[in-house]
């Protein structure tokens, strides 16, 4: 098979479109959400952090790359005070973080400047999708966005086209 080379001067601006380009994980859109509102819980059930964003994928073959940054964490009140996080899509959990901010030594208050989660989701949808982050206090009292010095907790959604 012979390879034909076309000089770039011979290619008109409308000759190559994004629809014809493939194979390199194009970013279709980026959506961002943030909150600075403090949330406290001593419940062993998941509660909303206020970190949320909505995206409408352009194709069912797209994936959504999720980047979460949670600021100003605090756990206190019992020997094993800790918090867990989960990411939800359209009200259903799609991933969890496991145990975080664990105090095994005894009744100490632990503060942390931040925690991050990243996840690749394949929703197979072109509907509007709400992504949000929740947390639960496995034991003790736990807080996110602890105070005004913590900055903002954020979520960034990136649609990666197939």
N, C-alpha and C. Protein backbone atom coordinates (compact mmCIF):
# COMPACT_ATOMS: atom_id res chain seq x y z
N UNK A 1 0.84 -1.17 0.00
CA UNK A 1 0.00 0.00 0.00
C UNK A 1 0.89 1.23 0.00
N UNK A 2 0.64 2.10 -0.92
CA UNK A 2 1.42 3.33 -1.04
C UNK A 2 0.85 4.40 -0.12
N UNK A 3 1.72 5.16 0.50
CA UNK A 3 1.32 6.25 1.38
C UNK A 3 1.40 7.54 0.59
N UNK A 4 0.32 8.30 0.62
CA UNK A 4 0.29 9.58 -0.06
C UNK A 4 0.45 10.69 0.96
N UNK A 5 1.34 11.60 0.71
CA UNK A 5 1.56 12.73 1.60
C UNK A 5 0.92 13.96 0.99
N UNK A 6 0.11 14.65 1.77
CA UNK A 6 -0.53 15.88 1.32
C UNK A 6 0.07 17.02 2.12
N UNK A 7 0.65 17.99 1.45
CA UNK A 7 1.21 19.14 2.19
C UNK A 7 0.09 19.90 2.91
N UNK A 8 0.37 20.38 4.12
CA UNK A 8 -0.66 21.07 4.89
C UNK A 8 -1.22 22.29 4.17
N UNK A 9 -0.45 22.89 3.29
CA UNK A 9 -0.95 24.04 2.52
C UNK A 9 -2.09 23.62 1.60
N UNK A 10 -2.16 22.30 1.28
CA UNK A 10 -3.21 21.81 0.39
C UNK A 10 -4.47 21.38 1.12
N UNK A 11 -4.53 21.55 2.44
CA UNK A 11 -5.70 21.14 3.22
C UNK A 11 -6.49 22.38 3.61
N UNK A 12 -7.73 22.45 3.20
CA UNK A 12 -8.56 23.59 3.56
C UNK A 12 -9.01 23.48 5.01
N UNK A 13 -9.38 24.60 5.63
CA UNK A 13 -9.77 24.62 7.03
C UNK A 13 -10.94 23.69 7.34
N UNK A 14 -11.86 23.53 6.39
CA UNK A 14 -13.03 22.70 6.67
C UNK A 14 -12.87 21.26 6.20
N UNK A 15 -11.70 20.87 5.73
CA UNK A 15 -11.48 19.52 5.22
C UNK A 15 -11.41 18.48 6.33
N UNK A 16 -10.92 18.86 7.48
CA UNK A 16 -10.81 17.92 8.60
C UNK A 16 -11.63 18.47 9.76
N UNK A 17 -12.57 17.67 10.21
CA UNK A 17 -13.42 18.08 11.32
C UNK A 17 -13.13 17.21 12.53
N UNK A 18 -13.62 17.61 13.67
CA UNK A 18 -13.43 16.84 14.90
C UNK A 18 -14.06 15.46 14.77
N UNK A 19 -15.13 15.35 13.99
CA UNK A 19 -15.79 14.06 13.79
C UNK A 19 -14.89 13.07 13.06
N UNK A 20 -13.97 13.58 12.21
CA UNK A 20 -13.07 12.71 11.46
C UNK A 20 -11.82 12.36 12.25
N UNK A 21 -11.49 13.14 13.23
CA UNK A 21 -10.30 12.88 14.05
C UNK A 21 -10.65 11.81 15.07
N UNK A 22 -9.77 10.84 15.27
CA UNK A 22 -10.07 9.78 16.23
C UNK A 22 -8.79 9.20 16.80
N UNK A 23 -8.96 8.42 17.86
CA UNK A 23 -7.87 7.65 18.42
C UNK A 23 -7.02 8.35 19.44
N UNK A 24 -7.40 9.54 19.89
CA UNK A 24 -6.55 10.19 20.87
C UNK A 24 -7.32 10.79 22.04
N UNK A 25 -8.47 10.24 22.40
CA UNK A 25 -9.18 10.62 23.62
C UNK A 25 -9.52 12.09 23.72
N UNK A 26 -10.28 12.58 22.78
CA UNK A 26 -10.64 13.99 22.76
C UNK A 26 -11.52 14.34 23.96
N UNK A 27 -11.36 15.52 24.49
CA UNK A 27 -12.20 16.02 25.57
C UNK A 27 -13.37 16.76 24.95
N UNK A 28 -14.59 16.27 25.22
CA UNK A 28 -15.78 16.88 24.65
C UNK A 28 -16.24 18.10 25.41
N UNK A 29 -16.13 18.05 26.74
CA UNK A 29 -16.56 19.16 27.59
C UNK A 29 -16.00 18.97 28.99
N UNK A 30 -15.93 20.07 29.72
CA UNK A 30 -15.49 20.06 31.10
C UNK A 30 -16.51 20.84 31.92
N UNK A 31 -16.97 20.24 33.03
CA UNK A 31 -17.96 20.87 33.91
C UNK A 31 -17.36 20.92 35.31
N UNK A 32 -17.62 22.00 36.02
CA UNK A 32 -16.99 22.24 37.33
C UNK A 32 -18.05 22.63 38.35
N UNK A 33 -17.91 22.15 39.57
CA UNK A 33 -18.78 22.56 40.67
C UNK A 33 -17.95 22.74 41.92
N UNK A 34 -18.40 23.61 42.83
CA UNK A 34 -17.66 23.83 44.07
C UNK A 34 -18.61 24.21 45.20
N UNK A 35 -18.13 24.02 46.41
CA UNK A 35 -18.86 24.46 47.59
C UNK A 35 -17.86 24.77 48.70
N UNK A 36 -18.24 25.67 49.57
CA UNK A 36 -17.46 26.00 50.75
C UNK A 36 -18.30 25.85 52.00
N UNK A 37 -19.50 25.30 51.87
CA UNK A 37 -20.42 25.15 52.99
C UNK A 37 -20.02 23.98 53.88
N UNK A 38 -19.87 24.24 55.18
CA UNK A 38 -19.49 23.22 56.14
C UNK A 38 -20.64 22.24 56.36
N UNK A 39 -20.31 20.94 56.37
CA UNK A 39 -21.29 19.89 56.64
C UNK A 39 -20.73 19.01 57.74
N UNK A 40 -21.56 18.74 58.76
CA UNK A 40 -21.17 17.92 59.89
C UNK A 40 -22.14 16.76 60.02
N UNK A 41 -21.62 15.59 60.40
CA UNK A 41 -22.49 14.43 60.58
C UNK A 41 -21.87 13.45 61.56
N UNK A 42 -22.71 12.82 62.34
CA UNK A 42 -22.28 11.69 63.18
C UNK A 42 -23.09 10.46 62.79
N UNK A 43 -23.74 10.53 61.62
CA UNK A 43 -24.56 9.44 61.13
C UNK A 43 -23.71 8.42 60.38
N UNK A 44 -24.06 7.15 60.50
CA UNK A 44 -23.39 6.10 59.75
C UNK A 44 -24.06 5.90 58.38
N UNK A 45 -24.92 6.83 58.01
CA UNK A 45 -25.54 6.84 56.68
C UNK A 45 -24.92 7.98 55.88
N UNK A 46 -24.81 7.79 54.57
CA UNK A 46 -24.22 8.82 53.73
C UNK A 46 -25.07 10.07 53.71
N UNK A 47 -24.41 11.24 53.76
CA UNK A 47 -25.07 12.55 53.66
C UNK A 47 -24.35 13.36 52.58
N UNK A 48 -25.07 14.29 51.98
CA UNK A 48 -24.50 15.12 50.92
C UNK A 48 -23.46 16.09 51.45
N UNK A 49 -22.38 16.26 50.70
CA UNK A 49 -21.35 17.24 51.03
C UNK A 49 -21.64 18.60 50.40
N UNK A 50 -22.52 18.63 49.42
CA UNK A 50 -22.77 19.84 48.66
C UNK A 50 -21.90 19.93 47.41
N UNK A 51 -21.02 18.94 47.21
CA UNK A 51 -20.15 18.91 46.04
C UNK A 51 -20.93 18.22 44.92
N UNK A 52 -21.28 18.99 43.88
CA UNK A 52 -22.13 18.44 42.82
C UNK A 52 -21.87 19.16 41.49
N UNK A 53 -22.11 18.44 40.40
CA UNK A 53 -22.03 19.01 39.06
C UNK A 53 -22.89 18.15 38.13
N UNK A 54 -23.37 18.77 37.06
CA UNK A 54 -24.23 18.09 36.09
C UNK A 54 -23.60 18.15 34.71
N UNK A 55 -23.64 17.02 34.01
CA UNK A 55 -23.08 16.94 32.66
C UNK A 55 -24.04 16.15 31.78
N UNK A 56 -24.09 16.51 30.50
CA UNK A 56 -24.88 15.77 29.53
C UNK A 56 -23.92 15.23 28.47
N UNK A 57 -23.60 13.94 28.53
CA UNK A 57 -22.67 13.38 27.54
C UNK A 57 -23.23 13.51 26.12
N UNK A 58 -22.33 13.72 25.17
CA UNK A 58 -22.76 13.89 23.78
C UNK A 58 -22.94 12.57 23.05
N UNK A 59 -22.42 11.46 23.61
CA UNK A 59 -22.56 10.14 22.99
C UNK A 59 -22.59 9.06 24.07
N UNK A 60 -23.27 7.97 23.81
CA UNK A 60 -23.32 6.87 24.77
C UNK A 60 -21.97 6.19 24.92
N UNK A 61 -21.08 6.37 23.96
CA UNK A 61 -19.74 5.77 24.03
C UNK A 61 -18.75 6.61 24.85
N UNK A 62 -19.13 7.80 25.25
CA UNK A 62 -18.25 8.67 26.04
C UNK A 62 -18.06 8.12 27.45
N UNK A 63 -16.89 8.40 28.01
CA UNK A 63 -16.68 8.14 29.43
C UNK A 63 -16.58 9.50 30.14
N UNK A 64 -16.83 9.47 31.44
CA UNK A 64 -16.74 10.68 32.25
C UNK A 64 -15.61 10.48 33.26
N UNK A 65 -14.61 11.33 33.19
CA UNK A 65 -13.52 11.30 34.16
C UNK A 65 -13.90 12.27 35.28
N UNK A 66 -13.89 11.77 36.51
CA UNK A 66 -14.35 12.54 37.67
C UNK A 66 -13.14 12.84 38.57
N UNK A 67 -12.96 14.11 38.89
CA UNK A 67 -11.90 14.55 39.80
C UNK A 67 -12.56 15.28 40.96
N UNK A 68 -12.33 14.82 42.19
CA UNK A 68 -12.94 15.43 43.38
C UNK A 68 -11.82 15.86 44.33
N UNK A 69 -11.92 17.08 44.84
CA UNK A 69 -11.03 17.57 45.87
C UNK A 69 -11.87 18.03 47.05
N UNK A 70 -11.70 17.38 48.21
CA UNK A 70 -12.51 17.69 49.39
C UNK A 70 -11.60 18.37 50.40
N UNK A 71 -12.00 19.53 50.88
CA UNK A 71 -11.15 20.33 51.75
C UNK A 71 -11.66 20.37 53.19
N UNK A 72 -10.75 20.61 54.11
CA UNK A 72 -11.10 20.85 55.51
C UNK A 72 -11.80 19.70 56.19
N UNK A 73 -11.17 18.53 56.28
CA UNK A 73 -11.76 17.35 56.91
C UNK A 73 -11.44 17.34 58.40
N UNK A 74 -12.40 16.86 59.19
CA UNK A 74 -12.15 16.68 60.61
C UNK A 74 -12.95 15.49 61.11
N UNK A 75 -12.31 14.65 61.94
CA UNK A 75 -13.00 13.55 62.61
C UNK A 75 -12.64 13.59 64.09
N UNK A 76 -13.63 13.29 64.93
CA UNK A 76 -13.41 13.36 66.37
C UNK A 76 -14.49 12.59 67.11
N UNK A 77 -14.24 12.33 68.38
CA UNK A 77 -15.28 11.86 69.27
C UNK A 77 -15.19 10.44 69.76
N UNK A 78 -14.50 9.55 69.04
CA UNK A 78 -14.37 8.17 69.52
C UNK A 78 -12.99 7.65 69.16
N UNK A 79 -12.65 6.50 69.70
CA UNK A 79 -11.35 5.90 69.45
C UNK A 79 -11.13 5.63 67.97
N UNK A 80 -12.16 5.18 67.27
CA UNK A 80 -12.02 4.82 65.86
C UNK A 80 -12.75 5.79 64.93
N UNK A 81 -12.77 7.09 65.27
CA UNK A 81 -13.46 8.08 64.43
C UNK A 81 -12.87 8.06 63.03
N UNK A 82 -13.75 7.92 62.04
CA UNK A 82 -13.30 7.96 60.65
C UNK A 82 -14.47 8.29 59.74
N UNK A 83 -14.17 8.69 58.50
CA UNK A 83 -15.21 9.00 57.53
C UNK A 83 -14.92 8.29 56.23
N UNK A 84 -15.99 7.94 55.53
CA UNK A 84 -15.91 7.32 54.20
C UNK A 84 -16.63 8.23 53.22
N UNK A 85 -16.23 8.17 51.95
CA UNK A 85 -16.83 8.98 50.89
C UNK A 85 -17.35 8.09 49.78
N UNK A 86 -18.34 8.61 49.05
CA UNK A 86 -18.80 7.94 47.84
C UNK A 86 -19.17 8.97 46.79
N UNK A 87 -19.04 8.56 45.52
CA UNK A 87 -19.48 9.37 44.39
C UNK A 87 -20.75 8.72 43.85
N UNK A 88 -21.76 9.56 43.60
CA UNK A 88 -23.02 9.09 43.03
C UNK A 88 -23.22 9.67 41.65
N UNK A 89 -23.85 8.87 40.79
CA UNK A 89 -24.33 9.34 39.49
C UNK A 89 -25.82 9.08 39.47
N UNK A 90 -26.60 10.14 39.23
CA UNK A 90 -28.06 10.03 39.14
C UNK A 90 -28.64 9.30 40.35
N UNK A 91 -28.09 9.58 41.53
CA UNK A 91 -28.63 9.04 42.77
C UNK A 91 -28.12 7.66 43.18
N UNK A 92 -27.28 7.04 42.36
CA UNK A 92 -26.75 5.70 42.69
C UNK A 92 -25.24 5.77 42.89
N UNK A 93 -24.76 5.12 43.94
CA UNK A 93 -23.33 5.10 44.21
C UNK A 93 -22.57 4.36 43.13
N UNK A 94 -21.47 4.95 42.65
CA UNK A 94 -20.65 4.30 41.62
C UNK A 94 -19.25 3.94 42.12
N UNK A 95 -18.81 4.56 43.22
CA UNK A 95 -17.53 4.18 43.83
C UNK A 95 -17.47 4.73 45.25
N UNK A 96 -16.70 4.07 46.11
CA UNK A 96 -16.50 4.52 47.48
C UNK A 96 -15.00 4.62 47.76
N UNK A 97 -14.67 5.35 48.84
CA UNK A 97 -13.26 5.59 49.15
C UNK A 97 -12.69 4.64 50.19
N UNK A 98 -13.53 3.98 50.98
CA UNK A 98 -13.02 3.20 52.08
C UNK A 98 -12.72 4.09 53.27
N UNK A 99 -12.02 3.56 54.25
CA UNK A 99 -11.77 4.27 55.50
C UNK A 99 -10.75 5.39 55.32
N UNK A 100 -11.09 6.58 55.82
CA UNK A 100 -10.21 7.74 55.74
C UNK A 100 -10.25 8.48 57.07
N UNK A 101 -9.20 9.22 57.37
CA UNK A 101 -9.14 10.01 58.61
C UNK A 101 -9.33 9.12 59.83
N UNK A 102 -8.64 8.05 59.90
CA UNK A 102 -8.82 7.06 60.94
C UNK A 102 -8.00 7.42 62.18
N UNK A 103 -8.65 7.44 63.35
CA UNK A 103 -7.98 7.68 64.63
C UNK A 103 -8.05 6.41 65.44
N UNK A 104 -6.98 5.65 65.45
CA UNK A 104 -6.97 4.39 66.17
C UNK A 104 -6.40 4.54 67.58
N UNK A 105 -5.80 5.69 67.88
CA UNK A 105 -5.10 5.83 69.15
C UNK A 105 -5.97 6.31 70.30
N UNK A 106 -7.12 6.90 70.01
CA UNK A 106 -8.02 7.21 71.09
C UNK A 106 -8.46 8.65 71.23
N UNK A 107 -9.70 8.91 70.91
CA UNK A 107 -10.41 10.17 71.19
C UNK A 107 -9.66 11.45 70.81
N UNK A 108 -8.87 11.42 69.78
CA UNK A 108 -8.19 12.62 69.32
C UNK A 108 -8.95 13.24 68.16
N UNK A 109 -8.93 14.55 68.08
CA UNK A 109 -9.51 15.24 66.94
C UNK A 109 -8.45 15.30 65.85
N UNK A 110 -8.80 14.84 64.65
CA UNK A 110 -7.88 14.87 63.53
C UNK A 110 -8.42 15.79 62.45
N UNK A 111 -7.55 16.70 61.99
CA UNK A 111 -7.91 17.59 60.88
C UNK A 111 -6.94 17.33 59.74
N UNK A 112 -7.48 17.46 58.54
CA UNK A 112 -6.69 17.23 57.35
C UNK A 112 -7.06 18.31 56.35
N UNK A 113 -6.09 18.81 55.64
CA UNK A 113 -6.34 19.87 54.67
C UNK A 113 -7.10 19.43 53.43
N UNK A 114 -7.07 18.14 53.11
CA UNK A 114 -7.79 17.73 51.92
C UNK A 114 -7.71 16.25 51.64
N UNK A 115 -8.58 15.84 50.72
CA UNK A 115 -8.68 14.45 50.29
C UNK A 115 -9.13 14.47 48.84
N UNK A 116 -8.60 13.58 48.01
CA UNK A 116 -8.95 13.56 46.59
C UNK A 116 -9.48 12.19 46.19
N UNK A 117 -10.40 12.20 45.24
CA UNK A 117 -10.91 10.98 44.62
C UNK A 117 -10.92 11.20 43.11
N UNK A 118 -10.57 10.16 42.37
CA UNK A 118 -10.65 10.19 40.91
C UNK A 118 -11.32 8.90 40.47
N UNK A 119 -12.16 9.00 39.44
CA UNK A 119 -12.88 7.82 38.98
C UNK A 119 -13.26 7.99 37.52
N UNK A 120 -13.17 6.91 36.76
CA UNK A 120 -13.60 6.92 35.36
C UNK A 120 -14.94 6.18 35.29
N UNK A 121 -15.97 6.89 34.82
CA UNK A 121 -17.32 6.33 34.74
C UNK A 121 -17.71 6.13 33.27
N UNK A 122 -18.45 5.07 33.01
CA UNK A 122 -18.97 4.79 31.67
C UNK A 122 -20.49 4.72 31.76
N UNK A 123 -21.17 5.87 31.72
CA UNK A 123 -22.61 5.88 31.97
C UNK A 123 -23.47 5.37 30.81
N UNK A 124 -22.94 5.26 29.59
CA UNK A 124 -23.72 4.83 28.41
C UNK A 124 -25.02 5.61 28.30
N UNK A 125 -24.92 6.93 28.35
CA UNK A 125 -26.11 7.78 28.37
C UNK A 125 -25.84 9.10 27.66
N UNK A 126 -26.90 9.68 27.11
CA UNK A 126 -26.84 11.04 26.60
C UNK A 126 -27.83 11.92 27.36
N UNK A 127 -28.27 11.45 28.50
CA UNK A 127 -29.16 12.22 29.37
C UNK A 127 -28.34 13.09 30.31
N UNK A 128 -28.96 14.12 30.85
CA UNK A 128 -28.33 14.96 31.85
C UNK A 128 -28.07 14.13 33.11
N UNK A 129 -26.83 14.12 33.58
CA UNK A 129 -26.43 13.30 34.73
C UNK A 129 -25.90 14.18 35.85
N UNK A 130 -26.43 13.99 37.04
CA UNK A 130 -25.96 14.71 38.22
C UNK A 130 -24.98 13.81 38.97
N UNK A 131 -23.76 14.32 39.16
CA UNK A 131 -22.76 13.64 39.97
C UNK A 131 -22.63 14.40 41.28
N UNK A 132 -22.55 13.67 42.39
CA UNK A 132 -22.34 14.33 43.68
C UNK A 132 -21.53 13.44 44.60
N UNK A 133 -21.02 14.07 45.65
CA UNK A 133 -20.18 13.39 46.63
C UNK A 133 -20.90 13.38 47.97
N UNK A 134 -20.88 12.23 48.63
CA UNK A 134 -21.44 12.09 49.97
C UNK A 134 -20.39 11.54 50.91
N UNK A 135 -20.62 11.71 52.21
CA UNK A 135 -19.74 11.10 53.21
C UNK A 135 -20.57 10.57 54.36
N UNK A 136 -19.95 9.67 55.12
CA UNK A 136 -20.60 9.19 56.34
C UNK A 136 -19.56 9.11 57.44
N UNK A 137 -20.03 9.30 58.66
CA UNK A 137 -19.18 9.15 59.84
C UNK A 137 -19.29 7.69 60.28
N UNK A 138 -18.24 6.93 60.06
CA UNK A 138 -18.27 5.53 60.47
C UNK A 138 -18.35 5.45 61.99
N UNK A 139 -17.63 6.32 62.66
CA UNK A 139 -17.75 6.51 64.11
C UNK A 139 -17.42 7.97 64.40
N UNK A 140 -17.92 8.48 65.50
CA UNK A 140 -17.62 9.85 65.91
C UNK A 140 -18.38 10.88 65.11
N UNK A 141 -17.92 12.12 65.18
CA UNK A 141 -18.49 13.23 64.43
C UNK A 141 -17.48 13.64 63.37
N UNK A 142 -17.93 13.77 62.14
CA UNK A 142 -17.04 14.10 61.04
C UNK A 142 -17.56 15.33 60.30
N UNK A 143 -16.63 16.12 59.77
CA UNK A 143 -16.99 17.35 59.07
C UNK A 143 -16.18 17.51 57.80
N UNK A 144 -16.81 18.11 56.78
CA UNK A 144 -16.12 18.51 55.56
C UNK A 144 -16.31 20.01 55.38
N UNK A 145 -15.38 20.64 54.64
CA UNK A 145 -15.35 22.10 54.51
C UNK A 145 -15.38 22.71 55.92
N UNK A 146 -14.49 22.28 56.78
CA UNK A 146 -14.52 22.53 58.22
C UNK A 146 -14.64 24.00 58.60
N UNK A 147 -13.96 24.89 57.90
CA UNK A 147 -14.05 26.31 58.25
C UNK A 147 -13.70 27.15 57.03
N UNK A 148 -13.81 28.45 57.16
CA UNK A 148 -13.56 29.36 56.05
C UNK A 148 -12.13 29.33 55.53
N UNK A 149 -11.20 28.79 56.31
CA UNK A 149 -9.80 28.72 55.89
C UNK A 149 -9.52 27.51 54.99
N UNK A 150 -10.50 26.64 54.83
CA UNK A 150 -10.29 25.39 54.10
C UNK A 150 -10.34 25.55 52.60
N UNK A 151 -10.86 26.65 52.11
CA UNK A 151 -11.02 26.81 50.67
C UNK A 151 -12.29 26.12 50.21
N UNK A 152 -12.33 25.77 48.94
CA UNK A 152 -13.52 25.16 48.37
C UNK A 152 -13.28 23.69 48.05
N UNK A 153 -14.30 22.89 48.25
CA UNK A 153 -14.29 21.52 47.76
C UNK A 153 -14.84 21.56 46.35
N UNK A 154 -14.26 20.73 45.45
CA UNK A 154 -14.60 20.83 44.04
C UNK A 154 -14.85 19.47 43.40
N UNK A 155 -15.58 19.51 42.30
CA UNK A 155 -15.74 18.35 41.43
C UNK A 155 -15.57 18.84 39.99
N UNK A 156 -14.77 18.12 39.22
CA UNK A 156 -14.59 18.41 37.81
C UNK A 156 -14.96 17.17 37.02
N UNK A 157 -15.85 17.36 36.04
CA UNK A 157 -16.27 16.25 35.18
C UNK A 157 -15.75 16.54 33.77
N UNK A 158 -15.07 15.55 33.19
CA UNK A 158 -14.55 15.69 31.83
C UNK A 158 -15.13 14.59 30.97
N UNK A 159 -15.82 14.98 29.91
CA UNK A 159 -16.32 13.98 28.96
C UNK A 159 -15.18 13.62 28.00
N UNK A 160 -14.82 12.34 27.97
CA UNK A 160 -13.80 11.85 27.07
C UNK A 160 -14.53 11.11 25.94
N UNK A 161 -14.37 11.64 24.73
CA UNK A 161 -15.06 11.07 23.57
C UNK A 161 -14.37 9.80 23.11
N UNK A 162 -15.15 8.87 22.62
CA UNK A 162 -14.58 7.59 22.17
C UNK A 162 -13.83 7.76 20.87
